[in-house]
Amino acid sequence: MTPEEFPVGPHAAPEQLMLAGPRPRLEELWRVIRIAVEFIRGFRKLHFVGPCVTVFGSARFPEDHRWYAMAQQVGAELGRRGFTVMTGGGPGIMEAANRGARGVGAPSIGCNIALPHEQKPNPWCDRTVEFRYFFIRKVMLLKYSYGFVVLPGGYGTMDELFETLTLMQTGKIADFPVVIMGKGYWDELDDFIQKRMIPDGTIAKEDRGLVKVTDDPVEAAEFIAEVTKRRFGLRIGARASKRWWSASLGLDEHNEYHSPL
């Protein structure tokens, strides 16, 4: 099949073009360069953000929703324990977690994705980095984090949760603490894992132990703080010191903390 035969519209997004089969070779080369530039820009902007906890969840919950309130509370509790709170930078759960961190004076970071709807940067981020490609954004949300909090969400949240667990299960990243909140939302999924996946052998019983489930923001934050200190020796509040040369290169070999990836 030639590049012209693949079904893409005249205004196709970059990811549509990249995944639409073979393209002209110069176009493919330019796309690889653009992807590399986006990675480098993300590395430079996020290199000194400090040890983060990433909060995942839906963009669709309004300010008066109980899960928005829960996300705001857990963002604040994480911030009080010295973590930088990182989210996808959009509205809903992401906005709430950033808002909670900002409310207690903790660093608040957003990794926003350029979408035609839903995903406008929220105003509670100290720094927002915008990405064209989902997979680059997901790398950034994982790379700088020592823990993950997952609140109710849709396909995107499910993707983020299970990709994180898969990377831990396969040893691609360390076993960082993962907290699932909004227990009632996840009950049926947990039943499926325990009553179908484990008995059928598609995952091991120990894999279920990769996550903690709680609706208590204080318990969630305390669990992440305790595990990161015990398992990784994380010094909360330790920040990387910038060097004159790292300001332009985005590198510093004398970090006080180490990126998980």
Protein backbone atom coordinates (compact mmCIF):
# COMPACT_ATOMS: atom_id res chain seq x y z
CA MET A 1 0.00 0.00 0.00
CA THR A 2 1.41 3.40 -0.94
CA PRO A 3 1.35 6.41 1.42
CA GLU A 4 -1.43 7.97 -0.66
CA GLU A 5 -3.71 4.96 -0.06
CA PHE A 6 -3.82 5.29 3.73
CA PRO A 7 -7.02 6.97 5.02
CA VAL A 8 -5.87 10.29 6.47
CA GLY A 9 -7.60 13.61 5.98
CA PRO A 10 -6.05 16.84 4.70
CA HIS A 11 -5.82 18.24 8.24
CA ALA A 12 -4.61 15.07 9.97
CA ALA A 13 -2.90 15.44 13.33
CA PRO A 14 0.82 14.57 13.59
CA GLU A 15 0.09 11.29 15.39
CA GLN A 16 -2.42 10.30 12.71
CA LEU A 17 0.20 10.85 10.02
CA MET A 18 2.88 9.03 11.99
CA LEU A 19 0.63 5.96 12.49
CA ALA A 20 -0.89 5.98 9.00
CA GLY A 21 1.55 3.52 7.48
CA PRO A 22 4.56 4.42 5.32
CA ARG A 23 4.99 8.10 4.48
CA PRO A 24 7.44 9.83 2.15
CA ARG A 25 10.94 9.31 3.50
CA LEU A 26 11.83 12.95 3.97
CA GLU A 27 8.57 13.45 5.84
CA GLU A 28 9.42 10.50 8.11
CA LEU A 29 12.91 11.91 8.75
CA TRP A 30 11.51 15.33 9.61
CA ARG A 31 9.00 13.71 11.98
CA VAL A 32 11.76 11.84 13.82
CA ILE A 33 13.65 15.12 14.24
CA ARG A 34 10.53 16.88 15.50
CA ILE A 35 9.91 14.07 18.01
CA ALA A 36 13.52 14.31 19.23
CA VAL A 37 13.19 18.09 19.64
CA GLU A 38 9.98 17.64 21.65
CA PHE A 39 11.71 15.14 23.94
CA ILE A 40 14.69 17.47 24.46
CA ARG A 41 12.41 20.44 25.19
CA GLY A 42 10.55 18.38 27.79
CA PHE A 43 13.78 17.19 29.42
CA ARG A 44 15.10 20.74 29.65
CA LYS A 45 11.95 22.24 31.11
CA LEU A 46 11.38 19.49 33.67
CA HIS A 47 14.94 18.62 34.71
CA PHE A 48 14.87 20.71 37.90
CA VAL A 49 11.25 20.26 38.97
CA GLY A 50 12.20 18.07 41.92
CA PRO A 51 10.92 14.65 42.98
CA CYS A 52 7.33 14.48 41.73
CA VAL A 53 4.18 12.52 42.31
CA THR A 54 1.97 12.30 39.22
CA VAL A 55 -1.79 12.44 39.61
CA PHE A 56 -3.90 10.86 36.86
CA GLY A 57 -7.64 11.32 36.34
CA SER A 58 -10.42 12.55 34.11
CA ALA A 59 -10.59 16.01 32.59
CA ARG A 60 -14.40 15.94 32.78
CA PHE A 61 -15.24 16.36 36.47
CA PRO A 62 -16.42 19.87 37.44
CA GLU A 63 -15.27 21.86 40.44
CA ASP A 64 -18.27 20.83 42.57
CA HIS A 65 -17.73 17.07 42.06
CA ARG A 66 -16.64 14.93 45.02
CA TRP A 67 -13.69 13.51 43.08
CA TYR A 68 -12.48 17.00 42.20
CA ALA A 69 -12.47 17.73 45.94
CA MET A 70 -10.61 14.47 46.64
CA ALA A 71 -7.96 15.29 44.02
CA GLN A 72 -7.51 18.78 45.43
CA GLN A 73 -7.03 17.38 48.92
CA VAL A 74 -4.50 14.77 47.84
CA GLY A 75 -2.59 17.40 45.86
CA ALA A 76 -2.36 19.51 49.01
CA GLU A 77 -1.27 16.57 51.18
CA LEU A 78 1.44 15.59 48.72
CA GLY A 79 2.62 19.19 48.58
CA ARG A 80 2.80 19.39 52.38
CA ARG A 81 5.15 16.40 52.33
CA GLY A 82 7.58 18.11 49.99
CA PHE A 83 6.57 16.63 46.66
CA THR A 84 6.12 18.45 43.40
CA VAL A 85 2.67 17.59 42.07
CA MET A 86 2.62 16.77 38.37
CA THR A 87 -0.48 16.22 36.24
CA GLY A 88 -1.52 16.18 32.60
CA GLY A 89 -2.11 19.92 32.98
CA GLY A 90 -5.76 19.94 31.91
CA PRO A 91 -9.07 20.53 33.71
CA GLY A 92 -10.99 18.23 36.05
CA ILE A 93 -8.92 15.95 38.28
CA MET A 94 -5.69 17.39 36.89
CA GLU A 95 -6.71 20.95 37.69
CA ALA A 96 -7.82 19.93 41.17
CA ALA A 97 -4.52 18.27 42.06
CA ASN A 98 -2.51 21.23 40.74
CA ARG A 99 -4.80 23.57 42.65
CA GLY A 100 -4.29 21.65 45.89
CA ALA A 101 -0.51 21.82 45.52
CA ARG A 102 -0.56 25.52 44.67
CA GLY A 103 -2.79 26.17 47.68
CA VAL A 104 -0.09 24.96 50.09
CA GLY A 105 2.79 26.60 48.22
CA ALA A 106 4.11 23.38 46.66
CA PRO A 107 5.44 23.24 43.09
CA SER A 108 2.68 22.44 40.59
CA ILE A 109 3.54 21.13 37.11
CA GLY A 110 1.36 20.38 34.08
CA CYS A 111 2.28 18.31 31.02
CA ASN A 112 -0.47 19.35 28.66
CA ILE A 113 -1.44 17.67 25.40
CA ALA A 114 -2.59 19.73 22.42
CA LEU A 115 -6.16 18.59 21.67
CA PRO A 116 -9.04 20.24 19.81
CA HIS A 117 -11.32 19.89 22.87
CA GLU A 118 -11.18 19.28 26.64
CA GLN A 119 -7.47 19.76 27.15
CA LYS A 120 -6.87 23.44 27.82
CA PRO A 121 -4.08 24.19 30.34
CA ASN A 122 -5.43 24.84 33.81
CA PRO A 123 -4.43 28.05 35.63
CA TRP A 124 -3.01 26.32 38.74
CA CYS A 125 0.32 25.21 37.26
CA ASP A 126 3.56 26.99 38.06
CA ARG A 127 4.92 25.55 34.84
CA THR A 128 3.10 24.04 31.88
CA VAL A 129 4.85 22.12 29.11
CA GLU A 130 2.75 21.41 26.04
CA PHE A 131 3.23 18.30 23.93
CA ARG A 132 2.09 17.30 20.46
CA TYR A 133 2.53 13.54 20.95
CA PHE A 134 0.79 11.50 23.64
CA PHE A 135 3.67 9.06 24.02
CA ILE A 136 6.18 11.84 24.75
CA ARG A 137 3.85 13.32 27.33
CA LYS A 138 3.47 9.93 29.02
CA VAL A 139 7.24 9.56 29.24
CA MET A 140 7.46 12.92 31.03
CA LEU A 141 4.65 12.05 33.44
CA LEU A 142 6.57 8.91 34.42
CA LYS A 143 10.19 10.04 34.17
CA TYR A 144 10.25 12.52 37.05
CA SER A 145 7.86 10.79 39.47
CA TYR A 146 8.43 8.63 42.51
CA GLY A 147 4.77 7.79 42.98
CA PHE A 148 1.43 7.83 41.21
CA VAL A 149 -2.12 8.62 42.31
CA VAL A 150 -4.95 7.45 40.07
CA LEU A 151 -8.43 8.92 40.44
CA PRO A 152 -11.53 8.09 38.37
CA GLY A 153 -11.15 8.60 34.65
CA GLY A 154 -11.80 7.21 31.19
CA TYR A 155 -9.70 5.56 28.49
CA GLY A 156 -6.76 7.90 29.00
CA THR A 157 -6.63 7.29 32.74
CA MET A 158 -6.94 3.53 32.21
CA ASP A 159 -4.09 3.70 29.70
CA GLU A 160 -1.88 5.63 32.12
CA LEU A 161 -2.67 3.29 35.03
CA PHE A 162 -2.05 0.05 33.17
CA GLU A 163 1.01 1.28 31.31
CA THR A 164 2.56 2.31 34.63
CA LEU A 165 1.74 -1.07 36.16
CA THR A 166 3.06 -2.89 33.08
CA LEU A 167 6.37 -1.04 33.26
CA MET A 168 6.71 -2.02 36.92
CA GLN A 169 5.57 -5.61 36.31
CA THR A 170 8.13 -6.06 33.52
CA GLY A 171 10.96 -4.37 35.43
CA LYS A 172 11.26 -1.40 33.08
CA ILE A 173 10.84 0.95 36.04
CA ALA A 174 11.13 0.35 39.77
CA ASP A 175 8.14 -0.60 41.93
CA PHE A 176 7.03 2.91 42.74
CA PRO A 177 4.01 3.39 45.02
CA VAL A 178 0.70 3.54 43.15
CA VAL A 179 -2.45 4.68 44.96
CA ILE A 180 -5.92 4.26 43.49
CA MET A 181 -8.57 6.63 44.86
CA GLY A 182 -12.33 6.72 44.35
CA LYS A 183 -12.79 3.14 45.49
CA GLY A 184 -16.43 2.84 44.44
CA TYR A 185 -15.51 3.76 40.87
CA TRP A 186 -12.90 1.01 40.61
CA ASP A 187 -14.70 -1.83 42.44
CA GLU A 188 -15.84 -3.69 39.32
CA LEU A 189 -12.42 -3.40 37.71
CA ASP A 190 -10.83 -4.75 40.88
CA ASP A 191 -13.31 -7.63 40.87
CA PHE A 192 -12.34 -8.41 37.26
CA ILE A 193 -8.67 -8.44 38.19
CA GLN A 194 -9.19 -10.65 41.25
CA LYS A 195 -11.88 -12.99 39.91
CA ARG A 196 -10.86 -13.28 36.27
CA MET A 197 -7.30 -12.20 35.52
CA ILE A 198 -5.60 -13.80 38.53
CA PRO A 199 -7.49 -17.14 38.37
CA ASP A 200 -6.91 -17.33 34.59
CA GLY A 201 -3.21 -16.70 35.11
CA THR A 202 -2.95 -13.58 32.95
CA ILE A 203 -1.36 -11.77 35.88
CA ALA A 204 0.25 -13.08 39.05
CA LYS A 205 -1.41 -12.69 42.43
CA GLU A 206 1.53 -10.55 43.53
CA ASP A 207 0.81 -8.06 40.73
CA ARG A 208 -2.35 -6.98 42.54
CA GLY A 209 -0.07 -5.90 45.37
CA LEU A 210 1.48 -3.21 43.20
CA VAL A 211 -1.35 -0.83 44.14
CA LYS A 212 -2.92 0.55 47.31
CA VAL A 213 -6.59 1.53 47.35
CA THR A 214 -7.79 4.28 49.67
CA ASP A 215 -10.15 7.25 49.66
CA ASP A 216 -8.21 9.07 52.40
CA PRO A 217 -5.91 11.80 50.95
CA VAL A 218 -3.78 11.85 54.10
CA GLU A 219 -3.29 8.07 54.00
CA ALA A 220 -2.45 8.22 50.29
CA ALA A 221 0.19 10.91 50.75
CA GLU A 222 1.67 9.25 53.85
CA PHE A 223 1.91 5.92 52.03
CA ILE A 224 3.80 7.47 49.10
CA ALA A 225 6.11 9.45 51.39
CA GLU A 226 6.90 6.38 53.52
CA VAL A 227 7.52 4.03 50.60
CA THR A 228 9.74 6.46 48.69
CA LYS A 229 11.85 7.11 51.76
CA ARG A 230 12.14 3.42 52.73
CA ARG A 231 12.54 1.94 49.26
CA PHE A 232 14.53 4.63 47.46
CA GLY A 233 16.07 6.72 50.25
CA LEU A 234 14.41 9.80 48.82
CA ARG A 235 15.37 13.02 50.60
CA ILE A 236 12.20 15.07 50.48
CA GLY A 237 12.89 18.69 49.70
CA ALA A 238 16.29 18.02 48.12
CA ARG A 239 16.52 19.88 44.83
CA ALA A 240 18.94 19.74 41.99
CA SER A 241 21.37 22.65 41.97
CA LYS A 242 21.71 24.37 38.62
CA ARG A 243 25.10 24.86 36.98
CA TRP A 244 25.86 27.59 34.50
CA TRP A 245 26.30 25.06 31.69
CA SER A 246 23.18 23.06 32.59
CA ALA A 247 20.96 26.08 32.06
CA SER A 248 21.45 25.69 28.33
CA LEU A 249 21.92 21.91 28.11
CA GLY A 250 19.27 20.87 30.62
CA LEU A 251 21.75 18.49 32.30
CA ASP A 252 23.33 18.28 35.73
CA GLU A 253 25.20 15.22 36.88
CA HIS A 254 25.15 16.40 40.51
CA ASN A 255 21.42 16.04 41.10
CA GLU A 256 20.31 15.65 44.70
CA TYR A 257 17.65 13.24 43.43
CA HIS A 258 17.67 10.80 40.53
CA SER A 259 15.09 10.44 37.80
CA PRO A 260 13.26 7.10 37.93
CA LEU A 261 13.77 6.52 34.16
